Amino acid sequence: MAPSPTIPDPEVPAKTTRRRFTAAEKARILDAYEAASDIERAALCRRERIYSSLLSRWRKQRGSGRPLSARRGPKPNPEAVEATRSQKRIAELEQKLAKAEQVIDIQGKVYALLRACAGESADGLDLPPWSKRSST
């Protein structure tokens, strides 16, 4: 008994997805298109399922020096990008400052403890300025 041929699914997907071409695919198709005759160009467009207007857009993009991988759409606001970068840097520096203040505070306490262990009274100690703030 021969296997039955597969029947295509007649159901149409609810939402189609837009085709996306990589930069390498764009370059390959453009090179083949430019090297072909008029009839071969039409066959290439049918085979790749693309319109010649898309090819002309890719040609303009490549001719202007922009990479073929560049996407269309709104460009990111450079001021917003810089503001975000600055905010991240400020947060990072504030964390470093908090850590440095903790280290300085601990060093002052260790200094006072060592002086106290040496037999000197804590009142008469010549404490560094950062420790005087916490002891008052």
C-alpha atoms as a PDB file:
ATOM      1  CA  MET A   1       0.000   0.000   0.000  1.00  0.00           C
ATOM      2  CA  ALA A   2       1.456   3.387  -1.034  1.00  0.00           C
ATOM      3  CA  PRO A   3       1.740   6.165   1.549  1.00  0.00           C
ATOM      4  CA  SER A   4      -0.814   8.907   1.063  1.00  0.00           C
ATOM      5  CA  PRO A   5       0.530  12.319   0.073  1.00  0.00           C
ATOM      6  CA  THR A   6       0.558  14.879   2.842  1.00  0.00           C
ATOM      7  CA  ILE A   7      -2.306  17.296   2.612  1.00  0.00           C
ATOM      8  CA  PRO A   8      -1.406  20.917   3.298  1.00  0.00           C
ATOM      9  CA  ASP A   9      -3.148  22.574   6.207  1.00  0.00           C
ATOM     10  CA  PRO A  10      -5.861  24.878   4.780  1.00  0.00           C
ATOM     11  CA  GLU A  11      -5.959  26.929   7.974  1.00  0.00           C
ATOM     12  CA  VAL A  12      -4.511  30.414   7.552  1.00  0.00           C
ATOM     13  CA  PRO A  13      -2.447  31.674  10.480  1.00  0.00           C
ATOM     14  CA  ALA A  14      -4.128  34.491  12.402  1.00  0.00           C
ATOM     15  CA  LYS A  15      -1.117  36.775  12.203  1.00  0.00           C
ATOM     16  CA  THR A  16       1.658  36.672   9.670  1.00  0.00           C
ATOM     17  CA  THR A  17       5.205  37.461  10.586  1.00  0.00           C
ATOM     18  CA  ARG A  18       7.308  39.899   8.638  1.00  0.00           C
ATOM     19  CA  ARG A  19      10.314  38.420   6.926  1.00  0.00           C
ATOM     20  CA  ARG A  20      13.650  39.629   8.219  1.00  0.00           C
ATOM     21  CA  PHE A  21      16.809  39.473   6.172  1.00  0.00           C
ATOM     22  CA  THR A  22      20.267  39.335   7.653  1.00  0.00           C
ATOM     23  CA  ALA A  23      22.975  41.586   6.275  1.00  0.00           C
ATOM     24  CA  ALA A  24      24.598  38.574   4.607  1.00  0.00           C
ATOM     25  CA  GLU A  25      21.331  37.593   2.874  1.00  0.00           C
ATOM     26  CA  LYS A  26      20.808  41.167   1.683  1.00  0.00           C
ATOM     27  CA  ALA A  27      24.330  41.344   0.281  1.00  0.00           C
ATOM     28  CA  ARG A  28      23.964  37.951  -1.426  1.00  0.00           C
ATOM     29  CA  ILE A  29      20.646  38.892  -3.047  1.00  0.00           C
ATOM     30  CA  LEU A  30      21.932  42.324  -4.139  1.00  0.00           C
ATOM     31  CA  ASP A  31      25.074  40.836  -5.681  1.00  0.00           C
ATOM     32  CA  ALA A  32      23.039  38.226  -7.563  1.00  0.00           C
ATOM     33  CA  TYR A  33      20.531  40.873  -8.702  1.00  0.00           C
ATOM     34  CA  GLU A  34      23.198  43.244 -10.006  1.00  0.00           C
ATOM     35  CA  ALA A  35      24.981  40.459 -11.903  1.00  0.00           C
ATOM     36  CA  ALA A  36      21.801  39.178 -13.560  1.00  0.00           C
ATOM     37  CA  SER A  37      20.061  40.117 -16.782  1.00  0.00           C
ATOM     38  CA  ASP A  38      16.568  41.645 -16.780  1.00  0.00           C
ATOM     39  CA  ILE A  39      14.802  38.291 -17.098  1.00  0.00           C
ATOM     40  CA  GLU A  40      17.048  36.713 -14.453  1.00  0.00           C
ATOM     41  CA  ARG A  41      16.334  39.668 -12.138  1.00  0.00           C
ATOM     42  CA  ALA A  42      12.598  39.028 -12.415  1.00  0.00           C
ATOM     43  CA  ALA A  43      13.161  35.334 -11.716  1.00  0.00           C
ATOM     44  CA  LEU A  44      15.349  36.205  -8.707  1.00  0.00           C
ATOM     45  CA  CYS A  45      12.616  38.464  -7.267  1.00  0.00           C
ATOM     46  CA  ARG A  46      10.034  35.711  -7.682  1.00  0.00           C
ATOM     47  CA  ARG A  47      12.332  33.076  -6.209  1.00  0.00           C
ATOM     48  CA  GLU A  48      13.237  35.206  -3.162  1.00  0.00           C
ATOM     49  CA  ARG A  49       9.643  36.528  -2.902  1.00  0.00           C
ATOM     50  CA  ILE A  50      10.727  40.168  -2.773  1.00  0.00           C
ATOM     51  CA  TYR A  51       9.837  43.305  -4.697  1.00  0.00           C
ATOM     52  CA  SER A  52      12.303  45.349  -6.695  1.00  0.00           C
ATOM     53  CA  SER A  53      11.491  48.369  -4.495  1.00  0.00           C
ATOM     54  CA  LEU A  54      13.015  46.529  -1.547  1.00  0.00           C
ATOM     55  CA  LEU A  55      16.133  45.874  -3.587  1.00  0.00           C
ATOM     56  CA  SER A  56      16.399  49.530  -4.565  1.00  0.00           C
ATOM     57  CA  ARG A  57      16.120  50.499  -0.874  1.00  0.00           C
ATOM     58  CA  TRP A  58      18.914  48.070  -0.004  1.00  0.00           C
ATOM     59  CA  ARG A  59      21.013  49.463  -2.864  1.00  0.00           C
ATOM     60  CA  LYS A  60      20.553  53.027  -1.580  1.00  0.00           C
ATOM     61  CA  GLN A  61      21.414  51.888   1.923  1.00  0.00           C
ATOM     62  CA  ARG A  62      24.604  50.179   0.773  1.00  0.00           C
ATOM     63  CA  GLY A  63      25.513  53.099  -1.517  1.00  0.00           C
ATOM     64  CA  SER A  64      25.199  55.633   1.298  1.00  0.00           C
ATOM     65  CA  GLY A  65      27.685  53.685   3.412  1.00  0.00           C
ATOM     66  CA  ARG A  66      25.190  52.575   6.046  1.00  0.00           C
ATOM     67  CA  PRO A  67      25.427  48.913   7.048  1.00  0.00           C
ATOM     68  CA  LEU A  68      22.827  46.589   5.565  1.00  0.00           C
ATOM     69  CA  SER A  69      21.976  45.390   9.063  1.00  0.00           C
ATOM     70  CA  ALA A  70      20.644  48.847  10.019  1.00  0.00           C
ATOM     71  CA  ARG A  71      16.977  48.862  10.954  1.00  0.00           C
ATOM     72  CA  ARG A  72      14.343  51.366   9.993  1.00  0.00           C
ATOM     73  CA  GLY A  73      12.401  53.266  12.587  1.00  0.00           C
ATOM     74  CA  PRO A  74      12.954  55.980  15.134  1.00  0.00           C
ATOM     75  CA  LYS A  75      16.518  56.580  16.178  1.00  0.00           C
ATOM     76  CA  PRO A  76      17.339  56.576  19.885  1.00  0.00           C
ATOM     77  CA  ASN A  77      17.552  60.021  21.436  1.00  0.00           C
ATOM     78  CA  PRO A  78      21.270  60.630  22.168  1.00  0.00           C
ATOM     79  CA  GLU A  79      20.427  62.923  25.083  1.00  0.00           C
ATOM     80  CA  ALA A  80      18.274  60.234  26.716  1.00  0.00           C
ATOM     81  CA  VAL A  81      21.013  57.656  26.217  1.00  0.00           C
ATOM     82  CA  GLU A  82      23.564  60.004  27.801  1.00  0.00           C
ATOM     83  CA  ALA A  83      21.190  60.780  30.703  1.00  0.00           C
ATOM     84  CA  THR A  84      20.687  57.076  31.381  1.00  0.00           C
ATOM     85  CA  ARG A  85      24.437  56.473  31.269  1.00  0.00           C
ATOM     86  CA  SER A  86      25.000  59.391  33.671  1.00  0.00           C
ATOM     87  CA  GLN A  87      22.358  58.121  36.099  1.00  0.00           C
ATOM     88  CA  LYS A  88      23.981  54.688  36.178  1.00  0.00           C
ATOM     89  CA  ARG A  89      27.388  56.262  36.782  1.00  0.00           C
ATOM     90  CA  ILE A  90      26.012  58.437  39.615  1.00  0.00           C
ATOM     91  CA  ALA A  91      24.420  55.404  41.291  1.00  0.00           C
ATOM     92  CA  GLU A  92      27.688  53.477  40.988  1.00  0.00           C
ATOM     93  CA  LEU A  93      29.692  56.342  42.501  1.00  0.00           C
ATOM     94  CA  GLU A  94      27.204  56.756  45.358  1.00  0.00           C
ATOM     95  CA  GLN A  95      27.642  53.069  46.223  1.00  0.00           C
ATOM     96  CA  LYS A  96      31.425  53.482  46.207  1.00  0.00           C
ATOM     97  CA  LEU A  97      31.139  56.557  48.419  1.00  0.00           C
ATOM     98  CA  ALA A  98      28.943  54.742  50.936  1.00  0.00           C
ATOM     99  CA  LYS A  99      31.421  51.866  51.069  1.00  0.00           C
ATOM    100  CA  ALA A 100      34.351  54.261  51.521  1.00  0.00           C
ATOM    101  CA  GLU A 101      32.541  56.054  54.376  1.00  0.00           C
ATOM    102  CA  GLN A 102      31.967  52.700  56.104  1.00  0.00           C
ATOM    103  CA  VAL A 103      35.652  51.799  55.764  1.00  0.00           C
ATOM    104  CA  ILE A 104      36.727  55.181  57.170  1.00  0.00           C
ATOM    105  CA  ASP A 105      34.332  54.826  60.106  1.00  0.00           C
ATOM    106  CA  ILE A 106      35.656  51.342  60.900  1.00  0.00           C
ATOM    107  CA  GLN A 107      39.252  52.561  60.669  1.00  0.00           C
ATOM    108  CA  GLY A 108      38.466  55.320  63.197  1.00  0.00           C
ATOM    109  CA  LYS A 109      36.919  52.843  65.615  1.00  0.00           C
ATOM    110  CA  VAL A 110      39.896  50.489  65.285  1.00  0.00           C
ATOM    111  CA  TYR A 111      42.241  53.418  65.921  1.00  0.00           C
ATOM    112  CA  ALA A 112      40.322  54.389  69.082  1.00  0.00           C
ATOM    113  CA  LEU A 113      40.237  50.771  70.254  1.00  0.00           C
ATOM    114  CA  LEU A 114      43.986  50.326  69.775  1.00  0.00           C
ATOM    115  CA  ARG A 115      44.712  53.547  71.642  1.00  0.00           C
ATOM    116  CA  ALA A 116      42.406  52.424  74.457  1.00  0.00           C
ATOM    117  CA  CYS A 117      44.171  49.047  74.607  1.00  0.00           C
ATOM    118  CA  ALA A 118      47.488  50.876  74.894  1.00  0.00           C
ATOM    119  CA  GLY A 119      46.224  52.370  78.163  1.00  0.00           C
ATOM    120  CA  GLU A 120      45.331  55.856  77.083  1.00  0.00           C
ATOM    121  CA  SER A 121      42.000  57.294  78.085  1.00  0.00           C
ATOM    122  CA  ALA A 122      39.446  57.685  75.316  1.00  0.00           C
ATOM    123  CA  ASP A 123      38.689  61.279  76.364  1.00  0.00           C
ATOM    124  CA  GLY A 124      42.230  62.509  75.950  1.00  0.00           C
ATOM    125  CA  LEU A 125      42.857  60.745  72.680  1.00  0.00           C
ATOM    126  CA  ASP A 126      43.867  62.758  69.710  1.00  0.00           C
ATOM    127  CA  LEU A 127      41.266  61.118  67.458  1.00  0.00           C
ATOM    128  CA  PRO A 128      41.171  61.689  63.744  1.00  0.00           C
ATOM    129  CA  PRO A 129      38.424  64.067  62.577  1.00  0.00           C
ATOM    130  CA  TRP A 130      36.179  61.313  61.220  1.00  0.00           C
ATOM    131  CA  SER A 131      35.956  59.633  64.647  1.00  0.00           C
ATOM    132  CA  LYS A 132      35.176  62.812  66.572  1.00  0.00           C
ATOM    133  CA  ARG A 133      31.919  63.139  64.685  1.00  0.00           C
ATOM    134  CA  SER A 134      30.642  59.686  65.739  1.00  0.00           C
ATOM    135  CA  SER A 135      31.815  59.891  69.370  1.00  0.00           C
ATOM    136  CA  THR A 136      29.906  63.121  70.187  1.00  0.00           C
END
